[in-house]
Amino acid sequence: MQHPPNSRTQTRTIEITLPAGFRTWFDGTALAQGQDDIDPQCKALRLAYEAGQVNADSGITLIATADVLNLLEEYAGYCTEASVDLVEDDKGAQNELEGAEALARQVHAARTAMKACTRL
C-alpha cells in the first residue's frame, strides 16, 4: 500500500541565489564540471546548478535541498579559503570572496526557513 506524501516524508526545497562572484569561481570546480558525479550529493548540486536561472546580476537562482545547501556551504568555505589571500591584488578574488560570504549568509537563512517549514 502506498502512502501519500506528507510533510515529514517530502523532501524540502528552497530557492537560493548563488552570487555572480561565487558563480565565477564555482564554474571552475570539478563538481560544476560533472567530474564528481559519482557522489549523489555532488551530482544533485550540479544538476540543480545547471537547471538554475541566471538573474540580471549574473548570479544564478536554483532550487536546493538540505544536502545541496550543505555542499554550497562547504564550497563557499573553499572559495573563501582560495580567495582571502588574493583580495589585495586581485579584483576578481575580491568579487569571489564577497560572493562566497553572501552565499554563506543565504545558506544560513535558507536553513532557518526550511526548519521553520518543517515545524508547521
PDB file of N, CA and C in Angstrom:
ATOM      1  N   MET A   1       0.832  -1.181   0.000  1.00  0.00           N
ATOM      2  CA  MET A   1       0.000   0.000   0.000  1.00  0.00           C
ATOM      3  C   MET A   1       0.875   1.242   0.000  1.00  0.00           C
ATOM      4  N   GLN A   2       0.586   2.123  -0.897  1.00  0.00           N
ATOM      5  CA  GLN A   2       1.340   3.362  -0.987  1.00  0.00           C
ATOM      6  C   GLN A   2       0.701   4.426  -0.115  1.00  0.00           C
ATOM      7  N   HIS A   3       1.550   5.135   0.610  1.00  0.00           N
ATOM      8  CA  HIS A   3       1.057   6.221   1.453  1.00  0.00           C
ATOM      9  C   HIS A   3       1.281   7.549   0.750  1.00  0.00           C
ATOM     10  N   PRO A   4       0.317   8.444   0.844  1.00  0.00           N
ATOM     11  CA  PRO A   4       0.523   9.761   0.235  1.00  0.00           C
ATOM     12  C   PRO A   4       1.644  10.490   0.966  1.00  0.00           C
ATOM     13  N   PRO A   5       2.393  11.314   0.240  1.00  0.00           N
ATOM     14  CA  PRO A   5       3.472  12.051   0.894  1.00  0.00           C
ATOM     15  C   PRO A   5       2.897  13.012   1.928  1.00  0.00           C
ATOM     16  N   ASN A   6       3.643  13.195   2.991  1.00  0.00           N
ATOM     17  CA  ASN A   6       3.256  14.187   3.987  1.00  0.00           C
ATOM     18  C   ASN A   6       4.449  15.069   4.303  1.00  0.00           C
ATOM     19  N   SER A   7       4.256  16.022   5.172  1.00  0.00           N
ATOM     20  CA  SER A   7       5.317  16.990   5.449  1.00  0.00           C
ATOM     21  C   SER A   7       6.545  16.345   6.072  1.00  0.00           C
ATOM     22  N   ARG A   8       6.414  15.183   6.689  1.00  0.00           N
ATOM     23  CA  ARG A   8       7.565  14.528   7.302  1.00  0.00           C
ATOM     24  C   ARG A   8       8.368  13.705   6.294  1.00  0.00           C
ATOM     25  N   THR A   9       7.750  13.292   5.198  1.00  0.00           N
ATOM     26  CA  THR A   9       8.458  12.450   4.240  1.00  0.00           C
ATOM     27  C   THR A   9       8.851  13.182   2.964  1.00  0.00           C
ATOM     28  N   GLN A  10       8.275  14.312   2.694  1.00  0.00           N
ATOM     29  CA  GLN A  10       8.616  15.050   1.487  1.00  0.00           C
ATOM     30  C   GLN A  10      10.002  15.671   1.629  1.00  0.00           C
ATOM     31  N   THR A  11      10.707  15.722   0.522  1.00  0.00           N
ATOM     32  CA  THR A  11      11.981  16.419   0.507  1.00  0.00           C
ATOM     33  C   THR A  11      11.697  17.909   0.442  1.00  0.00           C
ATOM     34  N   ARG A  12      12.203  18.627   1.391  1.00  0.00           N
ATOM     35  CA  ARG A  12      12.010  20.079   1.423  1.00  0.00           C
ATOM     36  C   ARG A  12      13.023  20.740   0.502  1.00  0.00           C
ATOM     37  N   THR A  13      12.566  21.746  -0.214  1.00  0.00           N
ATOM     38  CA  THR A  13      13.452  22.513  -1.090  1.00  0.00           C
ATOM     39  C   THR A  13      13.246  23.991  -0.823  1.00  0.00           C
ATOM     40  N   ILE A  14      14.238  24.750  -1.228  1.00  0.00           N
ATOM     41  CA  ILE A  14      14.175  26.198  -1.065  1.00  0.00           C
ATOM     42  C   ILE A  14      14.963  26.835  -2.202  1.00  0.00           C
ATOM     43  N   GLU A  15      14.535  28.002  -2.592  1.00  0.00           N
ATOM     44  CA  GLU A  15      15.221  28.753  -3.645  1.00  0.00           C
ATOM     45  C   GLU A  15      16.382  29.524  -3.023  1.00  0.00           C
ATOM     46  N   ILE A  16      17.526  29.485  -3.678  1.00  0.00           N
ATOM     47  CA  ILE A  16      18.703  30.202  -3.209  1.00  0.00           C
ATOM     48  C   ILE A  16      19.450  30.746  -4.424  1.00  0.00           C
ATOM     49  N   THR A  17      20.069  31.903  -4.252  1.00  0.00           N
ATOM     50  CA  THR A  17      20.786  32.533  -5.361  1.00  0.00           C
ATOM     51  C   THR A  17      22.287  32.520  -5.104  1.00  0.00           C
ATOM     52  N   LEU A  18      23.013  31.967  -6.043  1.00  0.00           N
ATOM     53  CA  LEU A  18      24.469  31.997  -5.977  1.00  0.00           C
ATOM     54  C   LEU A  18      24.926  33.304  -6.603  1.00  0.00           C
ATOM     55  N   PRO A  19      25.616  34.151  -5.830  1.00  0.00           N
ATOM     56  CA  PRO A  19      26.077  35.431  -6.369  1.00  0.00           C
ATOM     57  C   PRO A  19      27.059  35.241  -7.535  1.00  0.00           C
ATOM     58  N   ALA A  20      27.115  36.234  -8.396  1.00  0.00           N
ATOM     59  CA  ALA A  20      27.957  36.162  -9.594  1.00  0.00           C
ATOM     60  C   ALA A  20      29.419  35.887  -9.256  1.00  0.00           C
ATOM     61  N   GLY A  21      29.954  36.532  -8.232  1.00  0.00           N
ATOM     62  CA  GLY A  21      31.357  36.306  -7.873  1.00  0.00           C
ATOM     63  C   GLY A  21      31.630  34.860  -7.492  1.00  0.00           C
ATOM     64  N   PHE A  22      30.735  34.293  -6.693  1.00  0.00           N
ATOM     65  CA  PHE A  22      30.890  32.888  -6.324  1.00  0.00           C
ATOM     66  C   PHE A  22      30.722  32.003  -7.549  1.00  0.00           C
ATOM     67  N   ARG A  23      29.760  32.332  -8.363  1.00  0.00           N
ATOM     68  CA  ARG A  23      29.481  31.534  -9.562  1.00  0.00           C
ATOM     69  C   ARG A  23      30.707  31.478 -10.469  1.00  0.00           C
ATOM     70  N   THR A  24      31.403  32.581 -10.616  1.00  0.00           N
ATOM     71  CA  THR A  24      32.612  32.613 -11.434  1.00  0.00           C
ATOM     72  C   THR A  24      33.627  31.595 -10.922  1.00  0.00           C
ATOM     73  N   TRP A  25      33.823  31.572  -9.624  1.00  0.00           N
ATOM     74  CA  TRP A  25      34.761  30.623  -9.018  1.00  0.00           C
ATOM     75  C   TRP A  25      34.234  29.192  -9.152  1.00  0.00           C
ATOM     76  N   PHE A  26      32.957  28.989  -8.828  1.00  0.00           N
ATOM     77  CA  PHE A  26      32.354  27.661  -8.811  1.00  0.00           C
ATOM     78  C   PHE A  26      32.392  26.996 -10.186  1.00  0.00           C
ATOM     79  N   ASP A  27      32.233  27.785 -11.250  1.00  0.00           N
ATOM     80  CA  ASP A  27      32.262  27.226 -12.610  1.00  0.00           C
ATOM     81  C   ASP A  27      33.542  26.447 -12.888  1.00  0.00           C
ATOM     82  N   GLY A  28      34.626  26.785 -12.217  1.00  0.00           N
ATOM     83  CA  GLY A  28      35.903  26.113 -12.434  1.00  0.00           C
ATOM     84  C   GLY A  28      36.123  24.876 -11.583  1.00  0.00           C
ATOM     85  N   THR A  29      35.162  24.535 -10.738  1.00  0.00           N
ATOM     86  CA  THR A  29      35.341  23.375  -9.864  1.00  0.00           C
ATOM     87  C   THR A  29      35.017  22.076 -10.586  1.00  0.00           C
ATOM     88  N   ALA A  30      35.613  21.006 -10.104  1.00  0.00           N
ATOM     89  CA  ALA A  30      35.324  19.677 -10.651  1.00  0.00           C
ATOM     90  C   ALA A  30      33.852  19.333 -10.470  1.00  0.00           C
ATOM     91  N   LEU A  31      33.252  19.764  -9.365  1.00  0.00           N
ATOM     92  CA  LEU A  31      31.841  19.486  -9.118  1.00  0.00           C
ATOM     93  C   LEU A  31      30.978  20.108 -10.206  1.00  0.00           C
ATOM     94  N   ALA A  32      31.185  21.381 -10.502  1.00  0.00           N
ATOM     95  CA  ALA A  32      30.374  22.073 -11.508  1.00  0.00           C
ATOM     96  C   ALA A  32      30.579  21.493 -12.903  1.00  0.00           C
ATOM     97  N   GLN A  33      31.738  20.900 -13.138  1.00  0.00           N
ATOM     98  CA  GLN A  33      32.042  20.327 -14.445  1.00  0.00           C
ATOM     99  C   GLN A  33      31.604  18.870 -14.567  1.00  0.00           C
ATOM    100  N   GLY A  34      31.004  18.323 -13.489  1.00  0.00           N
ATOM    101  CA  GLY A  34      30.483  16.967 -13.541  1.00  0.00           C
ATOM    102  C   GLY A  34      31.484  15.880 -13.217  1.00  0.00           C
ATOM    103  N   GLN A  35      32.680  16.255 -12.810  1.00  0.00           N
ATOM    104  CA  GLN A  35      33.713  15.258 -12.526  1.00  0.00           C
ATOM    105  C   GLN A  35      33.484  14.546 -11.196  1.00  0.00           C
ATOM    106  N   ASP A  36      32.609  15.073 -10.349  1.00  0.00           N
ATOM    107  CA  ASP A  36      32.318  14.474  -9.050  1.00  0.00           C
ATOM    108  C   ASP A  36      30.949  13.790  -9.027  1.00  0.00           C
ATOM    109  N   ASP A  37      30.405  13.493 -10.189  1.00  0.00           N
ATOM    110  CA  ASP A  37      29.057  12.929 -10.274  1.00  0.00           C
ATOM    111  C   ASP A  37      28.925  11.550  -9.635  1.00  0.00           C
ATOM    112  N   ILE A  38      30.017  10.903  -9.330  1.00  0.00           N
ATOM    113  CA  ILE A  38      29.935   9.608  -8.657  1.00  0.00           C
ATOM    114  C   ILE A  38      29.289   9.751  -7.280  1.00  0.00           C
ATOM    115  N   ASP A  39      29.444  10.918  -6.672  1.00  0.00           N
ATOM    116  CA  ASP A  39      28.808  11.216  -5.385  1.00  0.00           C
ATOM    117  C   ASP A  39      27.410  11.758  -5.670  1.00  0.00           C
ATOM    118  N   PRO A  40      26.355  11.104  -5.179  1.00  0.00           N
ATOM    119  CA  PRO A  40      24.988  11.541  -5.482  1.00  0.00           C
ATOM    120  C   PRO A  40      24.693  12.979  -5.036  1.00  0.00           C
ATOM    121  N   GLN A  41      25.267  13.420  -3.937  1.00  0.00           N
ATOM    122  CA  GLN A  41      25.027  14.790  -3.478  1.00  0.00           C
ATOM    123  C   GLN A  41      25.690  15.795  -4.403  1.00  0.00           C
ATOM    124  N   CYS A  42      26.891  15.476  -4.855  1.00  0.00           N
ATOM    125  CA  CYS A  42      27.572  16.361  -5.803  1.00  0.00           C
ATOM    126  C   CYS A  42      26.791  16.445  -7.110  1.00  0.00           C
ATOM    127  N   LYS A  43      26.303  15.301  -7.569  1.00  0.00           N
ATOM    128  CA  LYS A  43      25.526  15.293  -8.808  1.00  0.00           C
ATOM    129  C   LYS A  43      24.235  16.093  -8.634  1.00  0.00           C
ATOM    130  N   ALA A  44      23.597  15.967  -7.475  1.00  0.00           N
ATOM    131  CA  ALA A  44      22.364  16.730  -7.217  1.00  0.00           C
ATOM    132  C   ALA A  44      22.633  18.228  -7.272  1.00  0.00           C
ATOM    133  N   LEU A  45      23.751  18.669  -6.705  1.00  0.00           N
ATOM    134  CA  LEU A  45      24.093  20.097  -6.757  1.00  0.00           C
ATOM    135  C   LEU A  45      24.377  20.517  -8.191  1.00  0.00           C
ATOM    136  N   ARG A  46      25.136  19.726  -8.922  1.00  0.00           N
ATOM    137  CA  ARG A  46      25.444  20.091 -10.311  1.00  0.00           C
ATOM    138  C   ARG A  46      24.168  20.196 -11.138  1.00  0.00           C
ATOM    139  N   LEU A  47      23.272  19.245 -10.985  1.00  0.00           N
ATOM    140  CA  LEU A  47      22.020  19.280 -11.755  1.00  0.00           C
ATOM    141  C   LEU A  47      21.159  20.480 -11.364  1.00  0.00           C
ATOM    142  N   ALA A  48      21.098  20.783 -10.072  1.00  0.00           N
ATOM    143  CA  ALA A  48      20.340  21.965  -9.623  1.00  0.00           C
ATOM    144  C   ALA A  48      20.970  23.230 -10.193  1.00  0.00           C
ATOM    145  N   TYR A  49      22.289  23.271 -10.204  1.00  0.00           N
ATOM    146  CA  TYR A  49      23.022  24.423 -10.739  1.00  0.00           C
ATOM    147  C   TYR A  49      22.748  24.590 -12.235  1.00  0.00           C
ATOM    148  N   GLU A  50      22.815  23.498 -12.970  1.00  0.00           N
ATOM    149  CA  GLU A  50      22.569  23.559 -14.411  1.00  0.00           C
ATOM    150  C   GLU A  50      21.126  23.937 -14.731  1.00  0.00           C
ATOM    151  N   ALA A  51      20.203  23.565 -13.863  1.00  0.00           N
ATOM    152  CA  ALA A  51      18.789  23.881 -14.078  1.00  0.00           C
ATOM    153  C   ALA A  51      18.422  25.270 -13.570  1.00  0.00           C
ATOM    154  N   GLY A  52      19.351  25.923 -12.891  1.00  0.00           N
ATOM    155  CA  GLY A  52      19.083  27.236 -12.312  1.00  0.00           C
ATOM    156  C   GLY A  52      18.858  28.313 -13.359  1.00  0.00           C
ATOM    157  N   GLN A  53      18.311  29.409 -12.885  1.00  0.00           N
ATOM    158  CA  GLN A  53      18.003  30.542 -13.758  1.00  0.00           C
ATOM    159  C   GLN A  53      18.984  31.681 -13.497  1.00  0.00           C
ATOM    160  N   VAL A  54      19.648  32.149 -14.550  1.00  0.00           N
ATOM    161  CA  VAL A  54      20.571  33.275 -14.436  1.00  0.00           C
ATOM    162  C   VAL A  54      19.753  34.535 -14.207  1.00  0.00           C
ATOM    163  N   ASN A  55      20.177  35.356 -13.250  1.00  0.00           N
ATOM    164  CA  ASN A  55      19.446  36.596 -12.972  1.00  0.00           C
ATOM    165  C   ASN A  55      20.168  37.795 -13.585  1.00  0.00           C
ATOM    166  N   ALA A  56      19.616  38.964 -13.407  1.00  0.00           N
ATOM    167  CA  ALA A  56      20.145  40.185 -14.028  1.00  0.00           C
ATOM    168  C   ALA A  56      21.562  40.518 -13.566  1.00  0.00           C
ATOM    169  N   ASP A  57      21.924  40.083 -12.371  1.00  0.00           N
ATOM    170  CA  ASP A  57      23.270  40.349 -11.845  1.00  0.00           C
ATOM    171  C   ASP A  57      24.266  39.251 -12.193  1.00  0.00           C
ATOM    172  N   SER A  58      23.874  38.335 -13.076  1.00  0.00           N
ATOM    173  CA  SER A  58      24.684  37.184 -13.494  1.00  0.00           C
ATOM    174  C   SER A  58      24.885  36.157 -12.391  1.00  0.00           C
ATOM    175  N   GLY A  59      24.114  36.265 -11.322  1.00  0.00           N
ATOM    176  CA  GLY A  59      24.068  35.190 -10.341  1.00  0.00           C
ATOM    177  C   GLY A  59      23.157  34.121 -10.899  1.00  0.00           C
ATOM    178  N   ILE A  60      22.952  33.079 -10.146  1.00  0.00           N
ATOM    179  CA  ILE A  60      22.060  32.022 -10.600  1.00  0.00           C
ATOM    180  C   ILE A  60      21.194  31.561  -9.433  1.00  0.00           C
ATOM    181  N   THR A  61      19.903  31.459  -9.697  1.00  0.00           N
ATOM    182  CA  THR A  61      18.947  31.031  -8.693  1.00  0.00           C
ATOM    183  C   THR A  61      18.600  29.582  -8.949  1.00  0.00           C
ATOM    184  N   LEU A  62      18.706  28.764  -7.906  1.00  0.00           N
ATOM    185  CA  LEU A  62      18.421  27.347  -8.044  1.00  0.00           C
ATOM    186  C   LEU A  62      17.567  26.856  -6.889  1.00  0.00           C
ATOM    187  N   ILE A  63      17.036  25.675  -7.055  1.00  0.00           N
ATOM    188  CA  ILE A  63      16.230  25.039  -6.032  1.00  0.00           C
ATOM    189  C   ILE A  63      17.144  24.065  -5.289  1.00  0.00           C
ATOM    190  N   ALA A  64      17.217  24.231  -3.954  1.00  0.00           N
ATOM    191  CA  ALA A  64      18.154  23.450  -3.151  1.00  0.00           C
ATOM    192  C   ALA A  64      17.437  22.598  -2.115  1.00  0.00           C
ATOM    193  N   THR A  65      17.943  21.396  -1.925  1.00  0.00           N
ATOM    194  CA  THR A  65      17.545  20.535  -0.811  1.00  0.00           C
ATOM    195  C   THR A  65      18.522  20.813   0.335  1.00  0.00           C
ATOM    196  N   ALA A  66      18.294  20.195   1.472  1.00  0.00           N
ATOM    197  CA  ALA A  66      19.214  20.356   2.605  1.00  0.00           C
ATOM    198  C   ALA A  66      20.616  19.864   2.233  1.00  0.00           C
ATOM    199  N   ASP A  67      20.708  18.764   1.484  1.00  0.00           N
ATOM    200  CA  ASP A  67      22.020  18.258   1.067  1.00  0.00           C
ATOM    201  C   ASP A  67      22.737  19.240   0.146  1.00  0.00           C
ATOM    202  N   VAL A  68      21.997  19.845  -0.758  1.00  0.00           N
ATOM    203  CA  VAL A  68      22.586  20.838  -1.657  1.00  0.00           C
ATOM    204  C   VAL A  68      23.056  22.042  -0.853  1.00  0.00           C
ATOM    205  N   LEU A  69      22.273  22.469   0.121  1.00  0.00           N
ATOM    206  CA  LEU A  69      22.698  23.580   0.985  1.00  0.00           C
ATOM    207  C   LEU A  69      23.999  23.242   1.707  1.00  0.00           C
ATOM    208  N   ASN A  70      24.117  22.015   2.195  1.00  0.00           N
ATOM    209  CA  ASN A  70      25.346  21.614   2.885  1.00  0.00           C
ATOM    210  C   ASN A  70      26.553  21.728   1.965  1.00  0.00           C
ATOM    211  N   LEU A  71      26.407  21.261   0.737  1.00  0.00           N
ATOM    212  CA  LEU A  71      27.518  21.351  -0.212  1.00  0.00           C
ATOM    213  C   LEU A  71      27.815  22.797  -0.598  1.00  0.00           C
ATOM    214  N   LEU A  72      26.781  23.598  -0.764  1.00  0.00           N
ATOM    215  CA  LEU A  72      27.012  25.012  -1.083  1.00  0.00           C
ATOM    216  C   LEU A  72      27.785  25.700   0.039  1.00  0.00           C
ATOM    217  N   GLU A  73      27.439  25.383   1.269  1.00  0.00           N
ATOM    218  CA  GLU A  73      28.169  25.963   2.400  1.00  0.00           C
ATOM    219  C   GLU A  73      29.634  25.516   2.381  1.00  0.00           C
ATOM    220  N   GLU A  74      29.850  24.240   2.107  1.00  0.00           N
ATOM    221  CA  GLU A  74      31.205  23.706   2.024  1.00  0.00           C
ATOM    222  C   GLU A  74      32.000  24.411   0.924  1.00  0.00           C
ATOM    223  N   TYR A  75      31.392  24.562  -0.237  1.00  0.00           N
ATOM    224  CA  TYR A  75      32.082  25.203  -1.357  1.00  0.00           C
ATOM    225  C   TYR A  75      32.259  26.702  -1.150  1.00  0.00           C
ATOM    226  N   ALA A  76      31.360  27.341  -0.435  1.00  0.00           N
ATOM    227  CA  ALA A  76      31.565  28.748  -0.085  1.00  0.00           C
ATOM    228  C   ALA A  76      32.816  28.875   0.791  1.00  0.00           C
ATOM    229  N   GLY A  77      33.005  27.920   1.679  1.00  0.00           N
ATOM    230  CA  GLY A  77      34.214  27.901   2.504  1.00  0.00           C
ATOM    231  C   GLY A  77      35.470  27.701   1.680  1.00  0.00           C
ATOM    232  N   TYR A  78      35.419  26.776   0.711  1.00  0.00           N
ATOM    233  CA  TYR A  78      36.571  26.559  -0.170  1.00  0.00           C
ATOM    234  C   TYR A  78      36.896  27.827  -0.961  1.00  0.00           C
ATOM    235  N   CYS A  79      35.861  28.482  -1.454  1.00  0.00           N
ATOM    236  CA  CYS A  79      36.049  29.713  -2.222  1.00  0.00           C
ATOM    237  C   CYS A  79      36.677  30.794  -1.347  1.00  0.00           C
ATOM    238  N   THR A  80      36.196  30.901  -0.124  1.00  0.00           N
ATOM    239  CA  THR A  80      36.758  31.885   0.805  1.00  0.00           C
ATOM    240  C   THR A  80      38.235  31.609   1.043  1.00  0.00           C
ATOM    241  N   GLU A  81      38.574  30.355   1.307  1.00  0.00           N
ATOM    242  CA  GLU A  81      39.972  29.982   1.536  1.00  0.00           C
ATOM    243  C   GLU A  81      40.847  30.306   0.330  1.00  0.00           C
ATOM    244  N   ALA A  82      40.326  30.047  -0.868  1.00  0.00           N
ATOM    245  CA  ALA A  82      41.096  30.281  -2.088  1.00  0.00           C
ATOM    246  C   ALA A  82      41.260  31.758  -2.406  1.00  0.00           C
ATOM    247  N   SER A  83      40.324  32.579  -1.961  1.00  0.00           N
ATOM    248  CA  SER A  83      40.303  33.990  -2.361  1.00  0.00           C
ATOM    249  C   SER A  83      40.865  34.946  -1.324  1.00  0.00           C
ATOM    250  N   VAL A  84      40.803  34.589  -0.062  1.00  0.00           N
ATOM    251  CA  VAL A  84      41.079  35.534   1.012  1.00  0.00           C
ATOM    252  C   VAL A  84      42.491  36.139   0.932  1.00  0.00           C
ATOM    253  N   ASP A  85      43.473  35.367   0.553  1.00  0.00           N
ATOM    254  CA  ASP A  85      44.845  35.880   0.492  1.00  0.00           C
ATOM    255  C   ASP A  85      45.132  36.671  -0.773  1.00  0.00           C
ATOM    256  N   LEU A  86      44.228  36.648  -1.739  1.00  0.00           N
ATOM    257  CA  LEU A  86      44.460  37.308  -3.024  1.00  0.00           C
ATOM    258  C   LEU A  86      43.737  38.638  -3.175  1.00  0.00           C
ATOM    259  N   VAL A  87      42.871  38.989  -2.231  1.00  0.00           N
ATOM    260  CA  VAL A  87      41.975  40.125  -2.427  1.00  0.00           C
ATOM    261  C   VAL A  87      42.689  41.454  -2.586  1.00  0.00           C
ATOM    262  N   GLU A  88      43.854  41.629  -1.974  1.00  0.00           N
ATOM    263  CA  GLU A  88      44.552  42.913  -2.077  1.00  0.00           C
ATOM    264  C   GLU A  88      45.043  43.199  -3.488  1.00  0.00           C
ATOM    265  N   ASP A  89      45.383  42.155  -4.227  1.00  0.00           N
ATOM    266  CA  ASP A  89      45.971  42.327  -5.553  1.00  0.00           C
ATOM    267  C   ASP A  89      45.054  41.940  -6.710  1.00  0.00           C
ATOM    268  N   ASP A  90      43.888  41.417  -6.406  1.00  0.00           N
ATOM    269  CA  ASP A  90      43.072  40.833  -7.456  1.00  0.00           C
ATOM    270  C   ASP A  90      41.599  41.178  -7.244  1.00  0.00           C
ATOM    271  N   LYS A  91      41.040  42.010  -8.114  1.00  0.00           N
ATOM    272  CA  LYS A  91      39.635  42.411  -8.017  1.00  0.00           C
ATOM    273  C   LYS A  91      38.705  41.207  -8.197  1.00  0.00           C
ATOM    274  N   GLY A  92      39.081  40.286  -9.058  1.00  0.00           N
ATOM    275  CA  GLY A  92      38.276  39.086  -9.255  1.00  0.00           C
ATOM    276  C   GLY A  92      38.188  38.265  -7.974  1.00  0.00           C
ATOM    277  N   ALA A  93      39.303  38.143  -7.262  1.00  0.00           N
ATOM    278  CA  ALA A  93      39.299  37.409  -5.994  1.00  0.00           C
ATOM    279  C   ALA A  93      38.425  38.118  -4.968  1.00  0.00           C
ATOM    280  N   GLN A  94      38.422  39.439  -4.993  1.00  0.00           N
ATOM    281  CA  GLN A  94      37.558  40.197  -4.084  1.00  0.00           C
ATOM    282  C   GLN A  94      36.089  39.895  -4.373  1.00  0.00           C
ATOM    283  N   ASN A  95      35.728  39.866  -5.639  1.00  0.00           N
ATOM    284  CA  ASN A  95      34.349  39.542  -6.021  1.00  0.00           C
ATOM    285  C   ASN A  95      33.979  38.113  -5.615  1.00  0.00           C
ATOM    286  N   GLU A  96      34.912  37.189  -5.790  1.00  0.00           N
ATOM    287  CA  GLU A  96      34.667  35.802  -5.399  1.00  0.00           C
ATOM    288  C   GLU A  96      34.475  35.692  -3.895  1.00  0.00           C
ATOM    289  N   LEU A  97      35.322  36.371  -3.126  1.00  0.00           N
ATOM    290  CA  LEU A  97      35.224  36.352  -1.668  1.00  0.00           C
ATOM    291  C   LEU A  97      33.891  36.941  -1.208  1.00  0.00           C
ATOM    292  N   GLU A  98      33.519  38.071  -1.759  1.00  0.00           N
ATOM    293  CA  GLU A  98      32.233  38.691  -1.395  1.00  0.00           C
ATOM    294  C   GLU A  98      31.064  37.784  -1.759  1.00  0.00           C
ATOM    295  N   GLY A  99      31.162  37.118  -2.912  1.00  0.00           N
ATOM    296  CA  GLY A  99      30.112  36.190  -3.327  1.00  0.00           C
ATOM    297  C   GLY A  99      30.010  34.991  -2.393  1.00  0.00           C
ATOM    298  N   ALA A 100      31.162  34.452  -1.987  1.00  0.00           N
ATOM    299  CA  ALA A 100      31.165  33.309  -1.066  1.00  0.00           C
ATOM    300  C   ALA A 100      30.581  33.694   0.289  1.00  0.00           C
ATOM    301  N   GLU A 101      30.934  34.880   0.772  1.00  0.00           N
ATOM    302  CA  GLU A 101      30.401  35.338   2.058  1.00  0.00           C
ATOM    303  C   GLU A 101      28.896  35.564   1.979  1.00  0.00           C
ATOM    304  N   ALA A 102      28.433  36.136   0.882  1.00  0.00           N
ATOM    305  CA  ALA A 102      26.993  36.354   0.690  1.00  0.00           C
ATOM    306  C   ALA A 102      26.263  35.019   0.596  1.00  0.00           C
ATOM    307  N   LEU A 103      26.852  34.055  -0.096  1.00  0.00           N
ATOM    308  CA  LEU A 103      26.235  32.740  -0.213  1.00  0.00           C
ATOM    309  C   LEU A 103      26.141  32.068   1.152  1.00  0.00           C
ATOM    310  N   ALA A 104      27.186  32.150   1.950  1.00  0.00           N
ATOM    311  CA  ALA A 104      27.157  31.546   3.288  1.00  0.00           C
ATOM    312  C   ALA A 104      26.017  32.133   4.121  1.00  0.00           C
ATOM    313  N   ARG A 105      25.799  33.434   4.017  1.00  0.00           N
ATOM    314  CA  ARG A 105      24.680  34.062   4.747  1.00  0.00           C
ATOM    315  C   ARG A 105      23.339  33.549   4.226  1.00  0.00           C
ATOM    316  N   GLN A 106      23.227  33.397   2.915  1.00  0.00           N
ATOM    317  CA  GLN A 106      21.984  32.885   2.326  1.00  0.00           C
ATOM    318  C   GLN A 106      21.703  31.447   2.751  1.00  0.00           C
ATOM    319  N   VAL A 107      22.751  30.635   2.807  1.00  0.00           N
ATOM    320  CA  VAL A 107      22.580  29.238   3.216  1.00  0.00           C
ATOM    321  C   VAL A 107      22.054  29.189   4.650  1.00  0.00           C
ATOM    322  N   HIS A 108      22.623  30.013   5.508  1.00  0.00           N
ATOM    323  CA  HIS A 108      22.158  30.062   6.904  1.00  0.00           C
ATOM    324  C   HIS A 108      20.678  30.457   6.958  1.00  0.00           C
ATOM    325  N   ALA A 109      20.304  31.481   6.221  1.00  0.00           N
ATOM    326  CA  ALA A 109      18.907  31.933   6.196  1.00  0.00           C
ATOM    327  C   ALA A 109      17.996  30.860   5.597  1.00  0.00           C
ATOM    328  N   ALA A 110      18.461  30.169   4.572  1.00  0.00           N
ATOM    329  CA  ALA A 110      17.660  29.125   3.937  1.00  0.00           C
ATOM    330  C   ALA A 110      17.424  27.966   4.897  1.00  0.00           C
ATOM    331  N   ARG A 111      18.442  27.589   5.633  1.00  0.00           N
ATOM    332  CA  ARG A 111      18.273  26.511   6.615  1.00  0.00           C
ATOM    333  C   ARG A 111      17.253  26.898   7.678  1.00  0.00           C
ATOM    334  N   THR A 112      17.334  28.135   8.135  1.00  0.00           N
ATOM    335  CA  THR A 112      16.384  28.626   9.135  1.00  0.00           C
ATOM    336  C   THR A 112      14.963  28.549   8.581  1.00  0.00           C
ATOM    337  N   ALA A 113      14.789  28.972   7.341  1.00  0.00           N
ATOM    338  CA  ALA A 113      13.465  28.931   6.718  1.00  0.00           C
ATOM    339  C   ALA A 113      12.979  27.495   6.546  1.00  0.00           C
ATOM    340  N   MET A 114      13.863  26.596   6.162  1.00  0.00           N
ATOM    341  CA  MET A 114      13.480  25.193   5.983  1.00  0.00           C
ATOM    342  C   MET A 114      13.056  24.575   7.321  1.00  0.00           C
ATOM    343  N   LYS A 115      13.785  24.901   8.385  1.00  0.00           N
ATOM    344  CA  LYS A 115      13.440  24.378   9.701  1.00  0.00           C
ATOM    345  C   LYS A 115      12.075  24.900  10.144  1.00  0.00           C
ATOM    346  N   ALA A 116      11.807  26.150   9.861  1.00  0.00           N
ATOM    347  CA  ALA A 116      10.510  26.737  10.221  1.00  0.00           C
ATOM    348  C   ALA A 116       9.377  26.026   9.491  1.00  0.00           C
ATOM    349  N   CYS A 117       9.576  25.684   8.226  1.00  0.00           N
ATOM    350  CA  CYS A 117       8.558  24.967   7.440  1.00  0.00           C
ATOM    351  C   CYS A 117       8.341  23.558   7.980  1.00  0.00           C
ATOM    352  N   THR A 118       9.406  22.927   8.442  1.00  0.00           N
ATOM    353  CA  THR A 118       9.304  21.569   8.964  1.00  0.00           C
ATOM    354  C   THR A 118       8.475  21.526  10.234  1.00  0.00           C
ATOM    355  N   ARG A 119       8.539  22.585  11.017  1.00  0.00           N
ATOM    356  CA  ARG A 119       7.798  22.636  12.281  1.00  0.00           C
ATOM    357  C   ARG A 119       6.309  22.851  12.067  1.00  0.00           C
ATOM    358  N   LEU A 120       5.920  23.298  10.870  1.00  0.00           N
ATOM    359  CA  LEU A 120       4.492  23.563  10.611  1.00  0.00           C
ATOM    360  C   LEU A 120       3.673  22.308  10.563  1.00  0.00           C
TER     361      LEU A 120
END
